[in-house]
């Protein structure tokens, strides 16, 4: 087995694991995470707009939570969250929420490497 085939298999299996993790977090951890921001105006407004429990609704609600947890200083500076709300979220829950999406960024880079490896370097570069 060549290194390219092994890289392809690992990349493909990795994306399936990553999608499974993202779905798991959206369906099991989102409600718990939103409970820590139950009195936050922005989170409540976002939850009211995306109120149905469809996949797209959970995706957008999770997106706001990821934004808040990944760049808390910007949200604190804008006055959209308080330090008490951020401090109330347990570290384990923050990890469950942030790590799948950080790993997705690494997977995206690996997929770009795979594409260049498979198709060759583009001539326009």
N, C-alpha and C. Protein backbone atom coordinates (compact mmCIF):
# COMPACT_ATOMS: atom_id res chain seq x y z
N UNK A 1 0.85 -1.17 0.00
CA UNK A 1 0.00 0.00 0.00
C UNK A 1 0.90 1.23 0.00
N UNK A 2 0.62 2.12 -0.93
CA UNK A 2 1.44 3.34 -1.02
C UNK A 2 1.03 4.32 0.07
N UNK A 3 1.89 5.28 0.29
CA UNK A 3 1.62 6.30 1.31
C UNK A 3 0.40 7.13 0.93
N UNK A 4 0.20 7.38 -0.37
CA UNK A 4 -0.95 8.16 -0.82
C UNK A 4 -2.26 7.45 -0.48
N UNK A 5 -2.33 6.16 -0.70
CA UNK A 5 -3.55 5.40 -0.40
C UNK A 5 -3.81 5.41 1.11
N UNK A 6 -2.76 5.24 1.91
CA UNK A 6 -2.92 5.28 3.36
C UNK A 6 -3.40 6.67 3.81
N UNK A 7 -2.83 7.71 3.22
CA UNK A 7 -3.25 9.08 3.55
C UNK A 7 -4.72 9.30 3.17
N UNK A 8 -5.13 8.76 2.03
CA UNK A 8 -6.52 8.89 1.57
C UNK A 8 -7.47 8.18 2.54
N UNK A 9 -7.11 6.98 2.96
CA UNK A 9 -7.97 6.22 3.88
C UNK A 9 -8.07 6.94 5.22
N UNK A 10 -6.95 7.40 5.74
CA UNK A 10 -6.96 8.11 7.03
C UNK A 10 -7.78 9.40 6.92
N UNK A 11 -7.64 10.12 5.82
CA UNK A 11 -8.38 11.36 5.63
C UNK A 11 -9.88 11.08 5.54
N UNK A 12 -10.27 10.04 4.81
CA UNK A 12 -11.68 9.70 4.66
C UNK A 12 -12.29 9.22 5.98
N UNK A 13 -11.60 8.36 6.68
CA UNK A 13 -12.09 7.88 7.98
C UNK A 13 -12.13 9.03 8.98
N UNK A 14 -11.14 9.91 8.90
CA UNK A 14 -11.10 11.07 9.79
C UNK A 14 -12.31 11.97 9.61
N UNK A 15 -12.74 12.19 8.38
CA UNK A 15 -13.90 13.05 8.16
C UNK A 15 -15.17 12.40 8.69
N UNK A 16 -15.28 11.09 8.59
CA UNK A 16 -16.46 10.41 9.14
C UNK A 16 -16.50 10.51 10.67
N UNK A 17 -15.35 10.32 11.30
CA UNK A 17 -15.26 10.45 12.76
C UNK A 17 -15.58 11.89 13.17
N UNK A 18 -15.05 12.84 12.43
CA UNK A 18 -15.27 14.25 12.73
C UNK A 18 -16.73 14.64 12.60
N UNK A 19 -17.38 14.19 11.55
CA UNK A 19 -18.81 14.47 11.39
C UNK A 19 -19.63 13.82 12.49
N UNK A 20 -19.26 12.61 12.88
CA UNK A 20 -19.94 11.96 13.99
C UNK A 20 -19.78 12.73 15.29
N UNK A 21 -18.58 13.21 15.54
CA UNK A 21 -18.34 14.01 16.75
C UNK A 21 -19.16 15.30 16.73
N UNK A 22 -19.20 15.96 15.58
CA UNK A 22 -19.97 17.21 15.49
C UNK A 22 -21.46 16.96 15.73
N UNK A 23 -21.98 15.89 15.14
CA UNK A 23 -23.39 15.56 15.37
C UNK A 23 -23.65 15.21 16.83
N UNK A 24 -22.73 14.46 17.43
CA UNK A 24 -22.87 14.10 18.84
C UNK A 24 -22.92 15.36 19.71
N UNK A 25 -22.02 16.29 19.46
CA UNK A 25 -21.98 17.51 20.26
C UNK A 25 -23.23 18.34 20.05
N UNK A 26 -23.69 18.46 18.79
CA UNK A 26 -24.89 19.25 18.53
C UNK A 26 -26.13 18.67 19.19
N UNK A 27 -26.22 17.36 19.25
CA UNK A 27 -27.43 16.75 19.78
C UNK A 27 -27.38 16.43 21.27
N UNK A 28 -26.19 16.41 21.88
CA UNK A 28 -26.14 16.07 23.30
C UNK A 28 -25.63 17.21 24.17
N UNK A 29 -24.80 18.08 23.65
CA UNK A 29 -24.17 19.10 24.49
C UNK A 29 -24.74 20.50 24.28
N UNK A 30 -25.46 20.74 23.19
CA UNK A 30 -25.93 22.09 22.88
C UNK A 30 -26.90 22.62 23.92
N UNK A 31 -27.87 21.82 24.31
CA UNK A 31 -28.86 22.29 25.29
C UNK A 31 -28.20 22.59 26.64
N UNK A 32 -27.27 21.74 27.04
CA UNK A 32 -26.56 21.99 28.29
C UNK A 32 -25.75 23.29 28.21
N UNK A 33 -25.11 23.50 27.08
CA UNK A 33 -24.31 24.71 26.89
C UNK A 33 -25.18 25.96 26.89
N UNK A 34 -26.32 25.88 26.22
CA UNK A 34 -27.22 27.04 26.19
C UNK A 34 -27.82 27.34 27.55
N UNK A 35 -27.90 26.35 28.41
CA UNK A 35 -28.46 26.59 29.75
C UNK A 35 -27.55 27.52 30.56
N UNK A 36 -26.26 27.54 30.28
CA UNK A 36 -25.35 28.44 30.99
C UNK A 36 -25.53 29.89 30.53
N UNK A 37 -26.14 30.08 29.36
CA UNK A 37 -26.38 31.42 28.83
C UNK A 37 -27.88 31.70 28.75
N UNK A 38 -28.65 31.17 29.68
CA UNK A 38 -30.11 31.27 29.61
C UNK A 38 -30.62 32.70 29.76
N UNK A 39 -29.87 33.57 30.39
CA UNK A 39 -30.32 34.96 30.58
C UNK A 39 -29.61 35.91 29.62
N UNK A 40 -28.83 35.38 28.71
CA UNK A 40 -28.12 36.21 27.75
C UNK A 40 -29.06 36.59 26.61
N UNK A 41 -29.13 37.88 26.32
CA UNK A 41 -30.07 38.37 25.31
C UNK A 41 -29.75 37.86 23.91
N UNK A 42 -28.48 37.88 23.54
CA UNK A 42 -28.09 37.44 22.19
C UNK A 42 -28.38 35.95 21.99
N UNK A 43 -28.05 35.15 22.97
CA UNK A 43 -28.28 33.70 22.86
C UNK A 43 -29.78 33.41 22.82
N UNK A 44 -30.56 34.10 23.64
CA UNK A 44 -32.01 33.88 23.65
C UNK A 44 -32.64 34.31 22.32
N UNK A 45 -32.19 35.43 21.76
CA UNK A 45 -32.71 35.88 20.48
C UNK A 45 -32.35 34.89 19.36
N UNK A 46 -31.12 34.41 19.41
CA UNK A 46 -30.66 33.43 18.42
C UNK A 46 -31.44 32.12 18.55
N UNK A 47 -31.70 31.73 19.78
CA UNK A 47 -32.44 30.49 20.02
C UNK A 47 -33.91 30.63 19.59
N UNK A 48 -34.48 31.82 19.76
CA UNK A 48 -35.85 32.04 19.31
C UNK A 48 -35.94 32.00 17.78
N UNK A 49 -34.94 32.59 17.10
CA UNK A 49 -34.97 32.60 15.64
C UNK A 49 -34.78 31.20 15.08
N UNK A 50 -33.85 30.45 15.66
CA UNK A 50 -33.59 29.07 15.21
C UNK A 50 -34.24 28.11 16.20
N UNK A 51 -35.55 28.21 16.37
CA UNK A 51 -36.24 27.50 17.44
C UNK A 51 -36.56 26.05 17.14
N UNK A 52 -36.70 25.69 15.89
CA UNK A 52 -37.01 24.30 15.60
C UNK A 52 -35.79 23.44 15.85
N UNK A 53 -36.00 22.17 16.00
CA UNK A 53 -34.90 21.28 16.35
C UNK A 53 -34.33 20.55 15.14
N UNK A 54 -34.40 21.19 13.97
CA UNK A 54 -33.83 20.58 12.78
C UNK A 54 -32.31 20.73 12.81
N UNK A 55 -31.65 20.03 11.94
CA UNK A 55 -30.18 20.04 11.88
C UNK A 55 -29.64 21.45 11.62
N UNK A 56 -30.25 22.18 10.69
CA UNK A 56 -29.78 23.52 10.35
C UNK A 56 -29.94 24.47 11.54
N UNK A 57 -31.01 24.31 12.30
CA UNK A 57 -31.23 25.15 13.47
C UNK A 57 -30.17 24.89 14.53
N UNK A 58 -29.90 23.63 14.80
CA UNK A 58 -28.87 23.28 15.78
C UNK A 58 -27.50 23.74 15.31
N UNK A 59 -27.25 23.65 14.00
CA UNK A 59 -25.97 24.08 13.44
C UNK A 59 -25.74 25.57 13.70
N UNK A 60 -26.74 26.38 13.45
CA UNK A 60 -26.59 27.83 13.65
C UNK A 60 -26.50 28.19 15.13
N UNK A 61 -27.26 27.51 15.96
CA UNK A 61 -27.16 27.77 17.39
C UNK A 61 -25.80 27.36 17.92
N UNK A 62 -25.28 26.24 17.43
CA UNK A 62 -23.94 25.79 17.84
C UNK A 62 -22.88 26.76 17.33
N UNK A 63 -23.10 27.32 16.15
CA UNK A 63 -22.15 28.29 15.61
C UNK A 63 -21.99 29.50 16.51
N UNK A 64 -23.07 29.99 17.07
CA UNK A 64 -22.98 31.12 18.00
C UNK A 64 -22.21 30.71 19.25
N UNK A 65 -22.49 29.53 19.76
CA UNK A 65 -21.77 29.07 20.96
C UNK A 65 -20.28 28.92 20.69
N UNK A 66 -19.92 28.42 19.52
CA UNK A 66 -18.51 28.28 19.17
C UNK A 66 -17.86 29.65 19.06
N UNK A 67 -18.57 30.59 18.45
CA UNK A 67 -18.03 31.96 18.36
C UNK A 67 -17.79 32.55 19.75
N UNK A 68 -18.75 32.38 20.63
CA UNK A 68 -18.62 32.94 21.98
C UNK A 68 -17.46 32.30 22.72
N UNK A 69 -17.33 30.98 22.63
CA UNK A 69 -16.29 30.28 23.39
C UNK A 69 -14.91 30.39 22.76
N UNK A 70 -14.84 30.55 21.44
CA UNK A 70 -13.52 30.63 20.82
C UNK A 70 -12.94 32.04 20.84
N UNK A 71 -13.78 33.06 20.85
CA UNK A 71 -13.30 34.44 20.94
C UNK A 71 -14.04 35.19 22.05
N UNK A 72 -13.82 34.79 23.30
CA UNK A 72 -14.59 35.40 24.39
C UNK A 72 -14.25 36.88 24.61
N UNK A 73 -13.01 37.26 24.34
CA UNK A 73 -12.64 38.67 24.58
C UNK A 73 -13.42 39.62 23.70
N UNK A 74 -13.66 39.24 22.47
CA UNK A 74 -14.42 40.10 21.56
C UNK A 74 -15.86 40.25 22.04
N UNK A 75 -16.45 39.17 22.53
CA UNK A 75 -17.83 39.23 23.02
C UNK A 75 -17.90 39.98 24.35
N UNK A 76 -16.86 39.86 25.17
CA UNK A 76 -16.82 40.63 26.42
C UNK A 76 -16.69 42.12 26.11
N UNK A 77 -15.81 42.46 25.18
CA UNK A 77 -15.59 43.86 24.83
C UNK A 77 -16.85 44.49 24.24
N UNK A 78 -17.59 43.73 23.45
CA UNK A 78 -18.83 44.23 22.86
C UNK A 78 -19.98 44.25 23.86
N UNK A 79 -19.79 43.64 25.03
CA UNK A 79 -20.82 43.62 26.05
C UNK A 79 -21.92 42.61 25.78
N UNK A 80 -21.65 41.62 24.96
CA UNK A 80 -22.68 40.62 24.62
C UNK A 80 -22.73 39.47 25.62
N UNK A 81 -21.65 39.22 26.33
CA UNK A 81 -21.62 38.20 27.38
C UNK A 81 -20.92 38.79 28.60
N UNK A 82 -21.12 38.16 29.73
CA UNK A 82 -20.44 38.59 30.94
C UNK A 82 -19.37 37.56 31.31
N UNK A 83 -18.44 37.99 32.14
CA UNK A 83 -17.40 37.08 32.59
C UNK A 83 -17.99 35.95 33.43
N UNK A 84 -19.05 36.25 34.17
CA UNK A 84 -19.69 35.22 34.99
C UNK A 84 -20.30 34.12 34.13
N UNK A 85 -20.91 34.50 33.01
CA UNK A 85 -21.47 33.49 32.11
C UNK A 85 -20.37 32.61 31.53
N UNK A 86 -19.28 33.23 31.12
CA UNK A 86 -18.17 32.46 30.55
C UNK A 86 -17.50 31.57 31.59
N UNK A 87 -17.39 32.07 32.80
CA UNK A 87 -16.75 31.30 33.86
C UNK A 87 -17.62 30.13 34.32
N UNK A 88 -18.92 30.24 34.11
CA UNK A 88 -19.82 29.18 34.58
C UNK A 88 -19.77 27.93 33.68
N UNK A 89 -19.27 28.06 32.47
CA UNK A 89 -19.20 26.92 31.56
C UNK A 89 -18.03 26.03 31.98
N UNK A 90 -18.26 24.76 32.26
CA UNK A 90 -17.17 23.87 32.67
C UNK A 90 -16.16 23.68 31.54
N UNK A 91 -14.92 23.47 31.93
CA UNK A 91 -13.83 23.31 30.97
C UNK A 91 -14.05 22.10 30.07
N UNK A 92 -14.57 21.00 30.62
CA UNK A 92 -14.82 19.80 29.82
C UNK A 92 -15.85 20.08 28.72
N UNK A 93 -16.86 20.86 29.04
CA UNK A 93 -17.88 21.19 28.04
C UNK A 93 -17.30 22.09 26.95
N UNK A 94 -16.45 23.03 27.35
CA UNK A 94 -15.79 23.88 26.35
C UNK A 94 -14.96 23.04 25.40
N UNK A 95 -14.27 22.05 25.94
CA UNK A 95 -13.46 21.18 25.08
C UNK A 95 -14.33 20.38 24.13
N UNK A 96 -15.44 19.84 24.61
CA UNK A 96 -16.35 19.08 23.76
C UNK A 96 -16.84 19.95 22.61
N UNK A 97 -17.07 21.20 22.88
CA UNK A 97 -17.62 22.09 21.86
C UNK A 97 -16.55 22.55 20.88
N UNK A 98 -15.38 22.93 21.37
CA UNK A 98 -14.38 23.57 20.50
C UNK A 98 -13.50 22.60 19.73
N UNK A 99 -13.12 21.48 20.32
CA UNK A 99 -12.13 20.62 19.67
C UNK A 99 -12.58 20.00 18.35
N UNK A 100 -13.82 19.53 18.21
CA UNK A 100 -14.19 19.00 16.89
C UNK A 100 -14.06 20.04 15.77
N UNK A 101 -14.35 21.29 16.08
CA UNK A 101 -14.29 22.32 15.06
C UNK A 101 -12.84 22.77 14.80
N UNK A 102 -12.00 22.68 15.79
CA UNK A 102 -10.57 22.96 15.57
C UNK A 102 -9.94 21.84 14.74
N UNK A 103 -10.33 20.61 15.03
CA UNK A 103 -9.81 19.49 14.25
C UNK A 103 -10.34 19.57 12.81
N UNK A 104 -11.53 20.11 12.62
CA UNK A 104 -12.06 20.29 11.26
C UNK A 104 -11.18 21.23 10.44
N UNK A 105 -10.60 22.21 11.08
CA UNK A 105 -9.67 23.11 10.37
C UNK A 105 -8.43 22.34 9.93
N UNK A 106 -7.92 21.48 10.77
CA UNK A 106 -6.77 20.65 10.41
C UNK A 106 -7.15 19.70 9.28
N UNK A 107 -8.35 19.12 9.35
CA UNK A 107 -8.80 18.23 8.30
C UNK A 107 -8.91 18.97 6.97
N UNK A 108 -9.37 20.22 6.99
CA UNK A 108 -9.48 21.00 5.76
C UNK A 108 -8.11 21.19 5.11
N UNK A 109 -7.10 21.50 5.91
CA UNK A 109 -5.74 21.63 5.39
C UNK A 109 -5.26 20.30 4.81
N UNK A 110 -5.54 19.21 5.50
CA UNK A 110 -5.15 17.88 5.01
C UNK A 110 -5.86 17.56 3.70
N UNK A 111 -7.11 17.98 3.57
CA UNK A 111 -7.83 17.74 2.32
C UNK A 111 -7.25 18.57 1.18
N UNK A 112 -6.81 19.78 1.46
CA UNK A 112 -6.15 20.59 0.43
C UNK A 112 -4.84 19.95 0.00
N UNK A 113 -4.10 19.40 0.95
CA UNK A 113 -2.87 18.69 0.62
C UNK A 113 -3.19 17.47 -0.24
N UNK A 114 -4.22 16.72 0.11
CA UNK A 114 -4.62 15.56 -0.67
C UNK A 114 -4.99 15.97 -2.10
N UNK A 115 -5.75 17.05 -2.24
CA UNK A 115 -6.17 17.51 -3.56
C UNK A 115 -4.97 17.86 -4.43
N UNK A 116 -4.03 18.60 -3.87
CA UNK A 116 -2.82 18.97 -4.62
C UNK A 116 -2.00 17.73 -4.96
N UNK A 117 -1.93 16.81 -4.03
CA UNK A 117 -1.19 15.57 -4.25
C UNK A 117 -1.84 14.74 -5.37
N UNK A 118 -3.16 14.69 -5.38
CA UNK A 118 -3.89 13.88 -6.36
C UNK A 118 -3.87 14.51 -7.75
N UNK A 119 -4.13 15.81 -7.83
CA UNK A 119 -4.26 16.50 -9.12
C UNK A 119 -2.98 17.18 -9.58
N UNK A 120 -2.02 17.29 -8.73
CA UNK A 120 -0.81 18.02 -9.09
C UNK A 120 -0.92 19.50 -8.76
N UNK A 121 0.20 20.15 -8.73
CA UNK A 121 0.23 21.58 -8.40
C UNK A 121 -0.42 22.38 -9.52
N UNK A 122 -1.35 23.30 -9.19
CA UNK A 122 -2.02 24.07 -10.25
C UNK A 122 -1.01 24.96 -10.99
N UNK A 123 -1.22 25.12 -12.30
CA UNK A 123 -0.29 25.89 -13.12
C UNK A 123 -0.41 27.39 -12.88
N UNK A 124 -1.55 27.83 -12.38
CA UNK A 124 -1.75 29.28 -12.21
C UNK A 124 -1.03 29.83 -11.00
N UNK A 125 -0.45 28.97 -10.18
CA UNK A 125 0.29 29.47 -9.00
C UNK A 125 1.72 29.69 -9.36
